[in-house]
Structure formats: C-alpha cells, structure tokens
C-alpha cells in the first residue's frame, strides 16, 4: 500500500516537473526570440521598420 502511494506521488511529481520544465523552456525561448526581434528593430534602419513607426 505504501509503495503504491509512493509510486503514484513519483508519477505526479514527474508530471508536474515536466509541465514546469516545458513552461520554463517556452518562456526562455520566447524571451530570447523577443530579444532578437527588439535588437533587430533597434539596430536596423528605421525606414525598413515592419510596423512603419
């Protein structure tokens, strides 16, 4: 009984860690992509600004 419960908690913990890791990866990836976009827009000529500002 105790072993079964411990296995179940390991499973849940693994799932939670997987979700957290995925979310963290997405946030980091998005942040890096955003930084690249901002850097490209800031350093590029304003005439070619895709937003036409």
PDB file of N, CA and C in Angstrom:
ATOM      1  N   UNK A   1       0.846  -1.204   0.000  1.00  0.00           N
ATOM      2  CA  UNK A   1       0.000   0.000   0.000  1.00  0.00           C
ATOM      3  C   UNK A   1       0.880   1.253   0.000  1.00  0.00           C
ATOM      4  N   UNK A   2       1.866   1.265   0.875  1.00  0.00           N
ATOM      5  CA  UNK A   2       2.731   2.437   0.963  1.00  0.00           C
ATOM      6  C   UNK A   2       3.528   2.590  -0.330  1.00  0.00           C
ATOM      7  N   UNK A   3       4.014   1.445  -0.856  1.00  0.00           N
ATOM      8  CA  UNK A   3       4.797   1.501  -2.094  1.00  0.00           C
ATOM      9  C   UNK A   3       3.948   2.047  -3.240  1.00  0.00           C
ATOM     10  N   UNK A   4       2.697   1.615  -3.316  1.00  0.00           N
ATOM     11  CA  UNK A   4       1.812   2.074  -4.385  1.00  0.00           C
ATOM     12  C   UNK A   4       1.621   3.589  -4.292  1.00  0.00           C
ATOM     13  N   UNK A   5       1.416   4.069  -3.086  1.00  0.00           N
ATOM     14  CA  UNK A   5       1.214   5.511  -2.897  1.00  0.00           C
ATOM     15  C   UNK A   5       2.478   6.269  -3.309  1.00  0.00           C
ATOM     16  N   UNK A   6       3.632   5.743  -2.934  1.00  0.00           N
ATOM     17  CA  UNK A   6       4.885   6.431  -3.260  1.00  0.00           C
ATOM     18  C   UNK A   6       5.102   6.449  -4.772  1.00  0.00           C
ATOM     19  N   UNK A   7       4.737   5.359  -5.454  1.00  0.00           N
ATOM     20  CA  UNK A   7       4.857   5.327  -6.910  1.00  0.00           C
ATOM     21  C   UNK A   7       3.956   6.386  -7.533  1.00  0.00           C
ATOM     22  N   UNK A   8       2.746   6.483  -6.999  1.00  0.00           N
ATOM     23  CA  UNK A   8       1.776   7.442  -7.532  1.00  0.00           C
ATOM     24  C   UNK A   8       2.302   8.867  -7.351  1.00  0.00           C
ATOM     25  N   UNK A   9       2.865   9.160  -6.184  1.00  0.00           N
ATOM     26  CA  UNK A   9       3.364  10.516  -5.936  1.00  0.00           C
ATOM     27  C   UNK A   9       4.572  10.810  -6.837  1.00  0.00           C
ATOM     28  N   UNK A  10       5.385   9.786  -7.101  1.00  0.00           N
ATOM     29  CA  UNK A  10       6.509   9.969  -8.025  1.00  0.00           C
ATOM     30  C   UNK A  10       5.980  10.339  -9.410  1.00  0.00           C
ATOM     31  N   UNK A  11       4.909   9.647  -9.816  1.00  0.00           N
ATOM     32  CA  UNK A  11       4.292   9.884 -11.121  1.00  0.00           C
ATOM     33  C   UNK A  11       3.792  11.325 -11.214  1.00  0.00           C
ATOM     34  N   UNK A  12       3.065  11.754 -10.186  1.00  0.00           N
ATOM     35  CA  UNK A  12       2.508  13.109 -10.167  1.00  0.00           C
ATOM     36  C   UNK A  12       3.641  14.132 -10.171  1.00  0.00           C
ATOM     37  N   UNK A  13       4.655  13.879  -9.346  1.00  0.00           N
ATOM     38  CA  UNK A  13       5.792  14.797  -9.271  1.00  0.00           C
ATOM     39  C   UNK A  13       6.480  14.906 -10.631  1.00  0.00           C
ATOM     40  N   UNK A  14       6.650  13.753 -11.290  1.00  0.00           N
ATOM     41  CA  UNK A  14       7.274  13.747 -12.608  1.00  0.00           C
ATOM     42  C   UNK A  14       6.467  14.556 -13.611  1.00  0.00           C
ATOM     43  N   UNK A  15       5.145  14.403 -13.562  1.00  0.00           N
ATOM     44  CA  UNK A  15       4.270  15.130 -14.488  1.00  0.00           C
ATOM     45  C   UNK A  15       4.357  16.632 -14.231  1.00  0.00           C
ATOM     46  N   UNK A  16       4.321  17.010 -12.962  1.00  0.00           N
ATOM     47  CA  UNK A  16       4.388  18.435 -12.600  1.00  0.00           C
ATOM     48  C   UNK A  16       5.725  19.026 -13.050  1.00  0.00           C
ATOM     49  N   UNK A  17       6.808  18.290 -12.789  1.00  0.00           N
ATOM     50  CA  UNK A  17       8.127  18.782 -13.195  1.00  0.00           C
ATOM     51  C   UNK A  17       8.211  18.917 -14.709  1.00  0.00           C
ATOM     52  N   UNK A  18       7.600  17.962 -15.421  1.00  0.00           N
ATOM     53  CA  UNK A  18       7.599  18.028 -16.878  1.00  0.00           C
ATOM     54  C   UNK A  18       6.895  19.277 -17.374  1.00  0.00           C
ATOM     55  N   UNK A  19       5.748  19.579 -16.783  1.00  0.00           N
ATOM     56  CA  UNK A  19       4.979  20.759 -17.182  1.00  0.00           C
ATOM     57  C   UNK A  19       5.768  22.029 -16.868  1.00  0.00           C
ATOM     58  N   UNK A  20       6.333  22.085 -15.668  1.00  0.00           N
ATOM     59  CA  UNK A  20       7.106  23.269 -15.269  1.00  0.00           C
ATOM     60  C   UNK A  20       8.295  23.465 -16.210  1.00  0.00           C
ATOM     61  N   UNK A  21       8.971  22.350 -16.519  1.00  0.00           N
ATOM     62  CA  UNK A  21      10.142  22.435 -17.399  1.00  0.00           C
ATOM     63  C   UNK A  21       9.734  22.922 -18.785  1.00  0.00           C
ATOM     64  N   UNK A  22       8.607  22.426 -19.273  1.00  0.00           N
ATOM     65  CA  UNK A  22       8.116  22.834 -20.595  1.00  0.00           C
ATOM     66  C   UNK A  22       7.775  24.318 -20.599  1.00  0.00           C
ATOM     67  N   UNK A  23       7.080  24.767 -19.542  1.00  0.00           N
ATOM     68  CA  UNK A  23       6.692  26.178 -19.458  1.00  0.00           C
ATOM     69  C   UNK A  23       7.929  27.062 -19.366  1.00  0.00           C
ATOM     70  N   UNK A  24       8.889  26.647 -18.548  1.00  0.00           N
ATOM     71  CA  UNK A  24      10.114  27.436 -18.396  1.00  0.00           C
ATOM     72  C   UNK A  24      10.852  27.517 -19.733  1.00  0.00           C
ATOM     73  N   UNK A  25      10.904  26.399 -20.447  1.00  0.00           N
ATOM     74  CA  UNK A  25      11.560  26.383 -21.752  1.00  0.00           C
ATOM     75  C   UNK A  25      10.875  27.318 -22.732  1.00  0.00           C
ATOM     76  N   UNK A  26       9.548  27.327 -22.694  1.00  0.00           N
ATOM     77  CA  UNK A  26       8.788  28.191 -23.603  1.00  0.00           C
ATOM     78  C   UNK A  26       9.040  29.661 -23.272  1.00  0.00           C
ATOM     79  N   UNK A  27       9.070  29.963 -21.975  1.00  0.00           N
ATOM     80  CA  UNK A  27       9.291  31.353 -21.553  1.00  0.00           C
ATOM     81  C   UNK A  27      10.691  31.810 -21.958  1.00  0.00           C
ATOM     82  N   UNK A  28      11.680  30.957 -21.717  1.00  0.00           N
ATOM     83  CA  UNK A  28      13.061  31.313 -22.065  1.00  0.00           C
ATOM     84  C   UNK A  28      13.198  31.467 -23.576  1.00  0.00           C
ATOM     85  N   UNK A  29      12.626  30.510 -24.330  1.00  0.00           N
ATOM     86  CA  UNK A  29      12.691  30.582 -25.789  1.00  0.00           C
ATOM     87  C   UNK A  29      12.006  31.832 -26.310  1.00  0.00           C
ATOM     88  N   UNK A  30      10.848  32.148 -25.746  1.00  0.00           N
ATOM     89  CA  UNK A  30      10.107  33.340 -26.165  1.00  0.00           C
ATOM     90  C   UNK A  30      10.881  34.604 -25.836  1.00  0.00           C
ATOM     91  N   UNK A  31      11.507  34.614 -24.674  1.00  0.00           N
ATOM     92  CA  UNK A  31      12.290  35.784 -24.266  1.00  0.00           C
ATOM     93  C   UNK A  31      13.477  36.011 -25.182  1.00  0.00           C
ATOM     94  N   UNK A  32      14.140  34.917 -25.562  1.00  0.00           N
ATOM     95  CA  UNK A  32      15.289  35.030 -26.465  1.00  0.00           C
ATOM     96  C   UNK A  32      14.832  35.530 -27.834  1.00  0.00           C
ATOM     97  N   UNK A  33      13.721  34.974 -28.332  1.00  0.00           N
ATOM     98  CA  UNK A  33      13.197  35.400 -29.638  1.00  0.00           C
ATOM     99  C   UNK A  33      12.815  36.875 -29.596  1.00  0.00           C
ATOM    100  N   UNK A  34      12.177  37.272 -28.506  1.00  0.00           N
ATOM    101  CA  UNK A  34      11.758  38.669 -28.356  1.00  0.00           C
ATOM    102  C   UNK A  34      12.984  39.587 -28.332  1.00  0.00           C
ATOM    103  N   UNK A  35      14.028  39.160 -27.623  1.00  0.00           N
ATOM    104  CA  UNK A  35      15.248  39.961 -27.554  1.00  0.00           C
ATOM    105  C   UNK A  35      15.873  40.126 -28.941  1.00  0.00           C
ATOM    106  N   UNK A  36      15.856  39.051 -29.729  1.00  0.00           N
ATOM    107  CA  UNK A  36      16.395  39.128 -31.088  1.00  0.00           C
ATOM    108  C   UNK A  36      15.594  40.109 -31.932  1.00  0.00           C
ATOM    109  N   UNK A  37      14.268  40.037 -31.827  1.00  0.00           N
ATOM    110  CA  UNK A  37      13.407  40.929 -32.613  1.00  0.00           C
ATOM    111  C   UNK A  37      13.652  42.380 -32.219  1.00  0.00           C
ATOM    112  N   UNK A  38      13.680  42.638 -30.902  1.00  0.00           N
ATOM    113  CA  UNK A  38      13.899  44.007 -30.424  1.00  0.00           C
ATOM    114  C   UNK A  38      15.270  44.511 -30.889  1.00  0.00           C
ATOM    115  N   UNK A  39      16.279  43.647 -30.775  1.00  0.00           N
ATOM    116  CA  UNK A  39      17.622  44.026 -31.203  1.00  0.00           C
ATOM    117  C   UNK A  39      17.672  44.340 -32.690  1.00  0.00           C
ATOM    118  N   UNK A  40      16.994  43.519 -33.498  1.00  0.00           N
ATOM    119  CA  UNK A  40      16.995  43.729 -34.951  1.00  0.00           C
ATOM    120  C   UNK A  40      16.295  45.033 -35.304  1.00  0.00           C
ATOM    121  N   UNK A  41      15.162  45.294 -34.663  1.00  0.00           N
ATOM    122  CA  UNK A  41      14.405  46.519 -34.950  1.00  0.00           C
ATOM    123  C   UNK A  41      15.185  47.746 -34.480  1.00  0.00           C
ATOM    124  N   UNK A  42      15.811  47.641 -33.297  1.00  0.00           N
ATOM    125  CA  UNK A  42      16.527  48.791 -32.738  1.00  0.00           C
ATOM    126  C   UNK A  42      17.783  49.112 -33.551  1.00  0.00           C
ATOM    127  N   UNK A  43      18.486  48.087 -34.048  1.00  0.00           N
ATOM    128  CA  UNK A  43      19.745  48.331 -34.751  1.00  0.00           C
ATOM    129  C   UNK A  43      19.546  48.559 -36.244  1.00  0.00           C
ATOM    130  N   UNK A  44      18.407  48.087 -36.780  1.00  0.00           N
ATOM    131  CA  UNK A  44      18.157  48.231 -38.212  1.00  0.00           C
ATOM    132  C   UNK A  44      17.733  49.641 -38.567  1.00  0.00           C
ATOM    133  N   UNK A  45      17.801  49.979 -39.853  1.00  0.00           N
ATOM    134  CA  UNK A  45      17.337  51.298 -40.296  1.00  0.00           C
ATOM    135  C   UNK A  45      15.837  51.440 -40.083  1.00  0.00           C
ATOM    136  N   UNK A  46      15.423  52.605 -39.645  1.00  0.00           N
ATOM    137  CA  UNK A  46      14.013  52.795 -39.305  1.00  0.00           C
ATOM    138  C   UNK A  46      13.113  52.801 -40.535  1.00  0.00           C
ATOM    139  N   UNK A  47      13.694  53.017 -41.699  1.00  0.00           N
ATOM    140  CA  UNK A  47      12.883  53.003 -42.925  1.00  0.00           C
ATOM    141  C   UNK A  47      12.306  51.613 -43.178  1.00  0.00           C
ATOM    142  N   UNK A  48      13.044  50.576 -42.790  1.00  0.00           N
ATOM    143  CA  UNK A  48      12.593  49.210 -43.049  1.00  0.00           C
ATOM    144  C   UNK A  48      11.846  48.625 -41.846  1.00  0.00           C
ATOM    145  N   UNK A  49      11.410  49.475 -40.929  1.00  0.00           N
ATOM    146  CA  UNK A  49      10.659  49.017 -39.762  1.00  0.00           C
ATOM    147  C   UNK A  49       9.330  48.426 -40.231  1.00  0.00           C
ATOM    148  N   UNK A  50       9.089  47.135 -39.953  1.00  0.00           N
ATOM    149  CA  UNK A  50       7.872  46.489 -40.464  1.00  0.00           C
ATOM    150  C   UNK A  50       6.588  47.103 -39.914  1.00  0.00           C
ATOM    151  N   UNK A  51       6.675  47.793 -38.762  1.00  0.00           N
ATOM    152  CA  UNK A  51       5.468  48.386 -38.179  1.00  0.00           C
ATOM    153  C   UNK A  51       5.234  49.815 -38.682  1.00  0.00           C
ATOM    154  N   UNK A  52       6.193  50.334 -39.456  1.00  0.00           N
ATOM    155  CA  UNK A  52       6.040  51.653 -40.053  1.00  0.00           C
ATOM    156  C   UNK A  52       5.931  52.781 -39.050  1.00  0.00           C
ATOM    157  N   UNK A  53       6.679  52.662 -37.955  1.00  0.00           N
ATOM    158  CA  UNK A  53       6.612  53.728 -36.946  1.00  0.00           C
ATOM    159  C   UNK A  53       7.620  54.821 -37.268  1.00  0.00           C
TER     160      UNK A  53
END
